[in-house]
Amino acid sequence: MVLDVLAKRHNAKFKVHKSVALTAECLFVAGGKKVILAKSTGFMNLSGAPVQALMKFYSIPIEQVLVVHDELDIPFGEIRSKLAGGHAGHNGLRDIIARCGAEFYRIRFGIGRPPGQMDVAAFVLQDFSTIERKELPVLLELAADQVEEKVA
């Protein structure tokens, strides 16, 4: 969702890429470096292969990769950035780290913990609540701002 905001801001269109991803190329600043926005079309738990393939195709070192992901350990509405680190149980990050290394930036979009005894997998796959959906447009813009700040 954050990448959709970025693509719209920069008039970029996503196209199918052979790496099991949708990609869009754009410039965040006039005269700046080309930025590749990529959304995996495969299973989230297997995010490493598309990232690895895109890194190879575009000759991008892991230090220039930025991953935007949901984060259970951050309350809904909070957005944080981080360089490197572990996967904190996030299977998509686990796969990226295993295939590519851990030295990449992350924009961590807080979704909070599941209520009560709810299964974590069911929680992360469900839609946002009505209240959260009202806040979501502003939060997505803020997360997109953080991506642009890291890339600039």
N, C-alpha and C. Protein backbone atom coordinates (compact mmCIF):
# COMPACT_ATOMS: atom_id res chain seq x y z
N MET A 1 0.83 -1.20 0.00
CA MET A 1 0.00 0.00 0.00
C MET A 1 0.88 1.26 0.00
N VAL A 2 1.99 1.20 0.75
CA VAL A 2 2.91 2.34 0.79
C VAL A 2 3.54 2.55 -0.59
N LEU A 3 3.89 1.46 -1.26
CA LEU A 3 4.49 1.59 -2.59
C LEU A 3 3.50 2.13 -3.60
N ASP A 4 2.23 1.81 -3.42
CA ASP A 4 1.21 2.38 -4.30
C ASP A 4 1.14 3.90 -4.14
N VAL A 5 1.28 4.37 -2.91
CA VAL A 5 1.30 5.82 -2.65
C VAL A 5 2.52 6.44 -3.34
N LEU A 6 3.68 5.81 -3.20
CA LEU A 6 4.90 6.33 -3.83
C LEU A 6 4.78 6.35 -5.35
N ALA A 7 4.25 5.28 -5.92
CA ALA A 7 4.09 5.22 -7.37
C ALA A 7 3.16 6.34 -7.85
N LYS A 8 2.09 6.56 -7.13
CA LYS A 8 1.16 7.62 -7.52
C LYS A 8 1.82 9.00 -7.42
N ARG A 9 2.59 9.22 -6.35
CA ARG A 9 3.28 10.50 -6.19
C ARG A 9 4.21 10.80 -7.36
N HIS A 10 4.84 9.74 -7.88
CA HIS A 10 5.88 9.93 -8.89
C HIS A 10 5.46 9.46 -10.28
N ASN A 11 4.15 9.33 -10.47
CA ASN A 11 3.59 8.95 -11.77
C ASN A 11 4.25 7.70 -12.36
N ALA A 12 4.48 6.73 -11.51
CA ALA A 12 5.09 5.48 -11.94
C ALA A 12 4.02 4.40 -12.05
N LYS A 13 4.18 3.53 -13.01
CA LYS A 13 3.23 2.44 -13.22
C LYS A 13 3.94 1.11 -12.97
N PHE A 14 3.29 0.24 -12.22
CA PHE A 14 3.85 -1.09 -11.97
C PHE A 14 3.67 -1.98 -13.18
N LYS A 15 4.73 -2.75 -13.49
CA LYS A 15 4.70 -3.72 -14.58
C LYS A 15 5.19 -5.06 -14.04
N VAL A 16 4.76 -6.12 -14.68
CA VAL A 16 5.20 -7.45 -14.28
C VAL A 16 6.69 -7.59 -14.61
N HIS A 17 7.44 -8.11 -13.64
CA HIS A 17 8.87 -8.36 -13.81
C HIS A 17 9.11 -9.85 -13.67
N LYS A 18 10.09 -10.38 -14.37
CA LYS A 18 10.36 -11.81 -14.35
C LYS A 18 10.79 -12.33 -12.98
N SER A 19 11.03 -11.47 -12.03
CA SER A 19 11.49 -11.85 -10.69
C SER A 19 10.36 -12.19 -9.73
N VAL A 20 9.18 -12.46 -10.21
CA VAL A 20 8.00 -12.71 -9.37
C VAL A 20 7.68 -11.45 -8.57
N ALA A 21 7.66 -10.33 -9.28
CA ALA A 21 7.36 -9.05 -8.64
C ALA A 21 6.76 -8.10 -9.67
N LEU A 22 6.09 -7.10 -9.15
CA LEU A 22 5.68 -5.95 -9.95
C LEU A 22 6.69 -4.86 -9.65
N THR A 23 7.19 -4.20 -10.69
CA THR A 23 8.16 -3.14 -10.47
C THR A 23 7.73 -1.86 -11.15
N ALA A 24 8.18 -0.75 -10.58
CA ALA A 24 7.96 0.57 -11.16
C ALA A 24 9.25 1.36 -10.96
N GLU A 25 9.70 2.02 -12.01
CA GLU A 25 10.92 2.83 -11.93
C GLU A 25 10.53 4.30 -11.87
N CYS A 26 11.22 5.04 -10.99
CA CYS A 26 10.93 6.47 -10.88
C CYS A 26 12.12 7.20 -10.28
N LEU A 27 12.07 8.52 -10.31
CA LEU A 27 13.04 9.37 -9.66
C LEU A 27 12.33 10.09 -8.51
N PHE A 28 12.90 10.04 -7.32
CA PHE A 28 12.28 10.72 -6.19
C PHE A 28 12.60 12.20 -6.18
N VAL A 29 13.76 12.57 -6.71
CA VAL A 29 14.14 13.99 -6.78
C VAL A 29 14.67 14.26 -8.18
N ALA A 30 14.49 15.47 -8.65
CA ALA A 30 14.96 15.83 -9.99
C ALA A 30 16.47 15.59 -10.07
N GLY A 31 16.89 14.88 -11.09
CA GLY A 31 18.31 14.59 -11.26
C GLY A 31 18.82 13.52 -10.32
N GLY A 32 17.95 12.95 -9.54
CA GLY A 32 18.36 11.94 -8.57
C GLY A 32 18.54 10.58 -9.20
N LYS A 33 18.91 9.63 -8.36
CA LYS A 33 19.09 8.26 -8.83
C LYS A 33 17.74 7.60 -9.08
N LYS A 34 17.77 6.67 -9.98
CA LYS A 34 16.57 5.90 -10.28
C LYS A 34 16.23 5.04 -9.06
N VAL A 35 14.96 4.98 -8.74
CA VAL A 35 14.46 4.15 -7.64
C VAL A 35 13.58 3.08 -8.25
N ILE A 36 13.76 1.86 -7.80
CA ILE A 36 12.94 0.74 -8.24
C ILE A 36 11.98 0.39 -7.11
N LEU A 37 10.70 0.55 -7.34
CA LEU A 37 9.69 0.11 -6.40
C LEU A 37 9.33 -1.32 -6.80
N ALA A 38 9.27 -2.23 -5.84
CA ALA A 38 8.97 -3.62 -6.18
C ALA A 38 8.02 -4.22 -5.16
N LYS A 39 7.00 -4.87 -5.69
CA LYS A 39 6.02 -5.58 -4.85
C LYS A 39 6.02 -7.04 -5.27
N SER A 40 6.35 -7.91 -4.33
CA SER A 40 6.37 -9.34 -4.64
C SER A 40 4.96 -9.80 -4.98
N THR A 41 4.87 -10.70 -5.94
CA THR A 41 3.58 -11.30 -6.30
C THR A 41 3.50 -12.74 -5.79
N GLY A 42 4.53 -13.16 -5.08
CA GLY A 42 4.56 -14.51 -4.52
C GLY A 42 4.12 -14.50 -3.07
N PHE A 43 4.41 -15.60 -2.39
CA PHE A 43 4.07 -15.71 -0.97
C PHE A 43 4.96 -14.80 -0.15
N MET A 44 4.37 -14.10 0.83
CA MET A 44 5.13 -13.19 1.67
C MET A 44 6.27 -13.93 2.37
N ASN A 45 6.03 -15.16 2.81
CA ASN A 45 7.06 -15.91 3.53
C ASN A 45 8.26 -16.23 2.64
N LEU A 46 8.11 -16.10 1.33
CA LEU A 46 9.18 -16.39 0.38
C LEU A 46 9.63 -15.12 -0.34
N SER A 47 9.72 -14.03 0.39
CA SER A 47 10.09 -12.74 -0.19
C SER A 47 11.54 -12.65 -0.61
N GLY A 48 12.38 -13.50 -0.08
CA GLY A 48 13.81 -13.42 -0.36
C GLY A 48 14.17 -13.63 -1.82
N ALA A 49 13.53 -14.59 -2.48
CA ALA A 49 13.86 -14.88 -3.89
C ALA A 49 13.60 -13.68 -4.80
N PRO A 50 12.43 -13.04 -4.72
CA PRO A 50 12.23 -11.86 -5.57
C PRO A 50 13.22 -10.74 -5.26
N VAL A 51 13.50 -10.51 -3.98
CA VAL A 51 14.47 -9.45 -3.62
C VAL A 51 15.83 -9.79 -4.20
N GLN A 52 16.25 -11.04 -4.03
CA GLN A 52 17.54 -11.49 -4.55
C GLN A 52 17.60 -11.34 -6.07
N ALA A 53 16.54 -11.73 -6.76
CA ALA A 53 16.51 -11.64 -8.22
C ALA A 53 16.57 -10.19 -8.68
N LEU A 54 15.84 -9.30 -8.00
CA LEU A 54 15.87 -7.88 -8.37
C LEU A 54 17.24 -7.26 -8.09
N MET A 55 17.85 -7.64 -6.97
CA MET A 55 19.19 -7.14 -6.67
C MET A 55 20.17 -7.54 -7.78
N LYS A 56 20.06 -8.77 -8.24
CA LYS A 56 20.95 -9.24 -9.31
C LYS A 56 20.64 -8.53 -10.63
N PHE A 57 19.38 -8.45 -10.99
CA PHE A 57 18.97 -7.85 -12.26
C PHE A 57 19.40 -6.39 -12.35
N TYR A 58 19.22 -5.62 -11.27
CA TYR A 58 19.53 -4.19 -11.28
C TYR A 58 20.92 -3.87 -10.70
N SER A 59 21.67 -4.90 -10.31
CA SER A 59 23.01 -4.72 -9.70
C SER A 59 22.94 -3.80 -8.48
N ILE A 60 22.05 -4.15 -7.57
CA ILE A 60 21.84 -3.35 -6.36
C ILE A 60 22.42 -4.09 -5.16
N PRO A 61 23.33 -3.46 -4.41
CA PRO A 61 23.85 -4.11 -3.19
C PRO A 61 22.79 -4.07 -2.09
N ILE A 62 22.89 -4.98 -1.16
CA ILE A 62 21.89 -5.07 -0.07
C ILE A 62 21.79 -3.77 0.72
N GLU A 63 22.88 -3.02 0.80
CA GLU A 63 22.87 -1.76 1.54
C GLU A 63 21.97 -0.70 0.91
N GLN A 64 21.57 -0.91 -0.36
CA GLN A 64 20.68 0.04 -1.03
C GLN A 64 19.25 -0.47 -1.13
N VAL A 65 18.96 -1.55 -0.43
CA VAL A 65 17.61 -2.10 -0.40
C VAL A 65 16.87 -1.53 0.80
N LEU A 66 15.62 -1.18 0.60
CA LEU A 66 14.76 -0.71 1.68
C LEU A 66 13.48 -1.54 1.61
N VAL A 67 13.14 -2.19 2.71
CA VAL A 67 11.95 -3.04 2.77
C VAL A 67 10.90 -2.36 3.64
N VAL A 68 9.70 -2.24 3.12
CA VAL A 68 8.57 -1.73 3.89
C VAL A 68 7.77 -2.95 4.33
N HIS A 69 7.53 -3.07 5.63
CA HIS A 69 6.81 -4.26 6.11
C HIS A 69 5.96 -3.95 7.32
N ASP A 70 4.99 -4.83 7.55
CA ASP A 70 4.15 -4.73 8.73
C ASP A 70 4.95 -5.20 9.94
N GLU A 71 4.60 -4.67 11.11
CA GLU A 71 5.33 -5.00 12.34
C GLU A 71 4.36 -5.20 13.49
N LEU A 72 4.28 -6.43 13.97
CA LEU A 72 3.40 -6.76 15.09
C LEU A 72 3.81 -6.09 16.39
N ASP A 73 5.11 -5.91 16.58
CA ASP A 73 5.62 -5.40 17.85
C ASP A 73 5.57 -3.88 17.97
N ILE A 74 4.96 -3.23 17.00
CA ILE A 74 4.78 -1.77 17.03
C ILE A 74 3.27 -1.52 16.97
N PRO A 75 2.76 -0.67 17.85
CA PRO A 75 1.31 -0.40 17.84
C PRO A 75 0.84 0.19 16.51
N PHE A 76 -0.40 -0.12 16.16
CA PHE A 76 -0.97 0.45 14.94
C PHE A 76 -0.85 1.97 14.99
N GLY A 77 -0.44 2.54 13.88
CA GLY A 77 -0.31 3.99 13.79
C GLY A 77 1.11 4.49 13.94
N GLU A 78 2.01 3.64 14.43
CA GLU A 78 3.41 4.05 14.56
C GLU A 78 4.20 3.52 13.36
N ILE A 79 5.11 4.34 12.87
CA ILE A 79 5.96 3.98 11.75
C ILE A 79 7.39 4.27 12.17
N ARG A 80 8.24 3.27 12.07
CA ARG A 80 9.63 3.43 12.48
C ARG A 80 10.56 2.94 11.38
N SER A 81 11.76 3.51 11.38
CA SER A 81 12.76 3.04 10.43
C SER A 81 13.92 2.42 11.20
N LYS A 82 14.63 1.55 10.51
CA LYS A 82 15.70 0.82 11.17
C LYS A 82 16.67 0.33 10.10
N LEU A 83 17.95 0.28 10.44
CA LEU A 83 18.95 -0.31 9.56
C LEU A 83 19.38 -1.63 10.16
N ALA A 84 19.29 -2.66 9.35
CA ALA A 84 19.75 -4.01 9.71
C ALA A 84 18.98 -4.57 10.91
N GLY A 85 19.48 -5.65 11.44
CA GLY A 85 18.85 -6.30 12.58
C GLY A 85 18.27 -7.65 12.21
N GLY A 86 17.55 -8.22 13.15
CA GLY A 86 16.95 -9.53 12.96
C GLY A 86 15.59 -9.47 12.31
N HIS A 87 14.93 -10.60 12.30
CA HIS A 87 13.62 -10.68 11.64
C HIS A 87 12.46 -10.59 12.62
N ALA A 88 12.71 -10.71 13.92
CA ALA A 88 11.66 -10.60 14.96
C ALA A 88 10.46 -11.51 14.67
N GLY A 89 10.73 -12.67 14.09
CA GLY A 89 9.65 -13.61 13.80
C GLY A 89 8.90 -13.36 12.51
N HIS A 90 9.26 -12.31 11.78
CA HIS A 90 8.59 -11.99 10.51
C HIS A 90 9.16 -12.91 9.43
N ASN A 91 8.35 -13.81 8.92
CA ASN A 91 8.85 -14.82 7.98
C ASN A 91 9.33 -14.24 6.66
N GLY A 92 8.73 -13.18 6.20
CA GLY A 92 9.21 -12.53 4.98
C GLY A 92 10.60 -11.96 5.17
N LEU A 93 10.82 -11.28 6.30
CA LEU A 93 12.15 -10.75 6.61
C LEU A 93 13.14 -11.88 6.80
N ARG A 94 12.71 -12.94 7.46
CA ARG A 94 13.57 -14.10 7.69
C ARG A 94 14.12 -14.62 6.35
N ASP A 95 13.25 -14.72 5.35
CA ASP A 95 13.66 -15.23 4.05
C ASP A 95 14.58 -14.24 3.32
N ILE A 96 14.29 -12.96 3.41
CA ILE A 96 15.16 -11.96 2.78
C ILE A 96 16.55 -12.01 3.41
N ILE A 97 16.60 -12.07 4.73
CA ILE A 97 17.89 -12.11 5.44
C ILE A 97 18.66 -13.37 5.06
N ALA A 98 17.98 -14.51 4.99
CA ALA A 98 18.64 -15.78 4.66
C ALA A 98 19.24 -15.74 3.25
N ARG A 99 18.55 -15.11 2.31
CA ARG A 99 19.00 -15.11 0.92
C ARG A 99 19.91 -13.93 0.56
N CYS A 100 19.73 -12.80 1.27
CA CYS A 100 20.41 -11.56 0.82
C CYS A 100 21.29 -10.92 1.88
N GLY A 101 21.10 -11.25 3.13
CA GLY A 101 21.81 -10.58 4.21
C GLY A 101 20.88 -9.63 4.95
N ALA A 102 21.35 -9.12 6.08
CA ALA A 102 20.49 -8.32 6.96
C ALA A 102 20.76 -6.83 6.89
N GLU A 103 21.74 -6.40 6.10
CA GLU A 103 22.16 -5.00 6.11
C GLU A 103 21.32 -4.12 5.20
N PHE A 104 20.00 -4.15 5.37
CA PHE A 104 19.12 -3.31 4.57
C PHE A 104 18.26 -2.46 5.50
N TYR A 105 17.75 -1.36 4.95
CA TYR A 105 16.86 -0.49 5.71
C TYR A 105 15.47 -1.09 5.75
N ARG A 106 14.76 -0.78 6.81
CA ARG A 106 13.38 -1.21 6.94
C ARG A 106 12.53 -0.02 7.35
N ILE A 107 11.36 0.09 6.75
CA ILE A 107 10.32 0.99 7.24
C ILE A 107 9.29 0.06 7.84
N ARG A 108 9.13 0.15 9.14
CA ARG A 108 8.30 -0.78 9.89
C ARG A 108 6.95 -0.12 10.19
N PHE A 109 5.90 -0.66 9.59
CA PHE A 109 4.55 -0.12 9.70
C PHE A 109 3.83 -0.89 10.80
N GLY A 110 3.60 -0.23 11.93
CA GLY A 110 3.00 -0.91 13.07
C GLY A 110 1.56 -1.34 12.84
N ILE A 111 1.30 -2.61 13.13
CA ILE A 111 -0.08 -3.12 13.05
C ILE A 111 -0.56 -3.62 14.41
N GLY A 112 0.32 -3.64 15.41
CA GLY A 112 -0.06 -4.09 16.74
C GLY A 112 -0.20 -5.60 16.83
N ARG A 113 -0.49 -6.06 18.03
CA ARG A 113 -0.62 -7.49 18.31
C ARG A 113 -2.07 -7.93 18.14
N PRO A 114 -2.28 -9.22 17.86
CA PRO A 114 -3.66 -9.72 17.75
C PRO A 114 -4.35 -9.67 19.11
N PRO A 115 -5.65 -9.43 19.10
CA PRO A 115 -6.39 -9.39 20.37
C PRO A 115 -6.54 -10.79 20.96
N GLY A 116 -6.52 -10.87 22.27
CA GLY A 116 -6.77 -12.13 22.97
C GLY A 116 -5.90 -13.27 22.49
N GLN A 117 -6.54 -14.38 22.19
CA GLN A 117 -5.84 -15.59 21.75
C GLN A 117 -5.85 -15.77 20.23
N MET A 118 -6.15 -14.69 19.51
CA MET A 118 -6.25 -14.79 18.05
C MET A 118 -4.93 -15.23 17.44
N ASP A 119 -5.00 -16.12 16.45
CA ASP A 119 -3.84 -16.61 15.74
C ASP A 119 -3.16 -15.45 15.00
N VAL A 120 -1.84 -15.39 15.09
CA VAL A 120 -1.09 -14.30 14.46
C VAL A 120 -1.29 -14.31 12.95
N ALA A 121 -1.23 -15.48 12.32
CA ALA A 121 -1.40 -15.55 10.86
C ALA A 121 -2.76 -15.02 10.44
N ALA A 122 -3.79 -15.38 11.18
CA ALA A 122 -5.14 -14.89 10.86
C ALA A 122 -5.20 -13.37 11.03
N PHE A 123 -4.54 -12.86 12.06
CA PHE A 123 -4.54 -11.43 12.34
C PHE A 123 -3.89 -10.63 11.21
N VAL A 124 -2.71 -11.07 10.76
CA VAL A 124 -1.99 -10.29 9.74
C VAL A 124 -2.66 -10.39 8.37
N LEU A 125 -3.48 -11.41 8.16
CA LEU A 125 -4.15 -11.57 6.87
C LEU A 125 -5.51 -10.90 6.81
N GLN A 126 -6.04 -10.51 7.96
CA GLN A 126 -7.36 -9.86 7.94
C GLN A 126 -7.23 -8.40 7.51
N ASP A 127 -8.36 -7.82 7.10
CA ASP A 127 -8.39 -6.42 6.70
C ASP A 127 -8.29 -5.54 7.95
N PHE A 128 -7.92 -4.29 7.74
CA PHE A 128 -7.88 -3.34 8.85
C PHE A 128 -9.29 -3.09 9.36
N SER A 129 -9.39 -2.72 10.63
CA SER A 129 -10.70 -2.42 11.21
C SER A 129 -11.24 -1.12 10.60
N THR A 130 -12.51 -0.85 10.86
CA THR A 130 -13.14 0.37 10.34
C THR A 130 -12.41 1.61 10.84
N ILE A 131 -12.06 1.63 12.10
CA ILE A 131 -11.34 2.78 12.68
C ILE A 131 -9.96 2.90 12.05
N GLU A 132 -9.26 1.77 11.90
CA GLU A 132 -7.93 1.80 11.30
C GLU A 132 -7.99 2.27 9.85
N ARG A 133 -9.00 1.84 9.11
CA ARG A 133 -9.14 2.25 7.70
C ARG A 133 -9.30 3.75 7.57
N LYS A 134 -9.90 4.39 8.57
CA LYS A 134 -10.05 5.85 8.54
C LYS A 134 -8.70 6.54 8.69
N GLU A 135 -7.81 5.95 9.50
CA GLU A 135 -6.48 6.52 9.74
C GLU A 135 -5.47 6.14 8.66
N LEU A 136 -5.74 5.06 7.97
CA LEU A 136 -4.77 4.47 7.05
C LEU A 136 -4.25 5.42 5.97
N PRO A 137 -5.09 6.21 5.29
CA PRO A 137 -4.54 7.09 4.24
C PRO A 137 -3.43 8.02 4.73
N VAL A 138 -3.61 8.61 5.90
CA VAL A 138 -2.59 9.51 6.44
C VAL A 138 -1.34 8.73 6.81
N LEU A 139 -1.52 7.56 7.42
CA LEU A 139 -0.38 6.74 7.82
C LEU A 139 0.43 6.26 6.61
N LEU A 140 -0.25 5.91 5.54
CA LEU A 140 0.45 5.49 4.33
C LEU A 140 1.27 6.64 3.75
N GLU A 141 0.72 7.84 3.79
CA GLU A 141 1.47 9.02 3.32
C GLU A 141 2.71 9.26 4.19
N LEU A 142 2.55 9.11 5.50
CA LEU A 142 3.68 9.29 6.41
C LEU A 142 4.76 8.24 6.17
N ALA A 143 4.35 7.01 5.95
CA ALA A 143 5.32 5.94 5.65
C ALA A 143 6.02 6.22 4.33
N ALA A 144 5.28 6.69 3.34
CA ALA A 144 5.89 7.05 2.05
C ALA A 144 6.90 8.19 2.23
N ASP A 145 6.57 9.16 3.09
CA ASP A 145 7.51 10.24 3.39
C ASP A 145 8.82 9.68 3.95
N GLN A 146 8.70 8.70 4.84
CA GLN A 146 9.91 8.10 5.44
C GLN A 146 10.75 7.37 4.40
N VAL A 147 10.09 6.70 3.47
CA VAL A 147 10.82 6.03 2.38
C VAL A 147 11.59 7.07 1.59
N GLU A 148 10.93 8.15 1.20
CA GLU A 148 11.59 9.20 0.42
C GLU A 148 12.77 9.82 1.17
N GLU A 149 12.62 10.02 2.47
CA GLU A 149 13.70 10.58 3.28
C GLU A 149 14.92 9.66 3.28
N LYS A 150 14.69 8.36 3.38
CA LYS A 150 15.80 7.40 3.42
C LYS A 150 16.50 7.31 2.06
N VAL A 151 15.72 7.42 1.01
CA VAL A 151 16.28 7.27 -0.34
C VAL A 151 17.02 8.54 -0.78
N ALA A 152 16.53 9.71 -0.35
CA ALA A 152 17.10 10.99 -0.80
C ALA A 152 18.53 11.17 -0.33
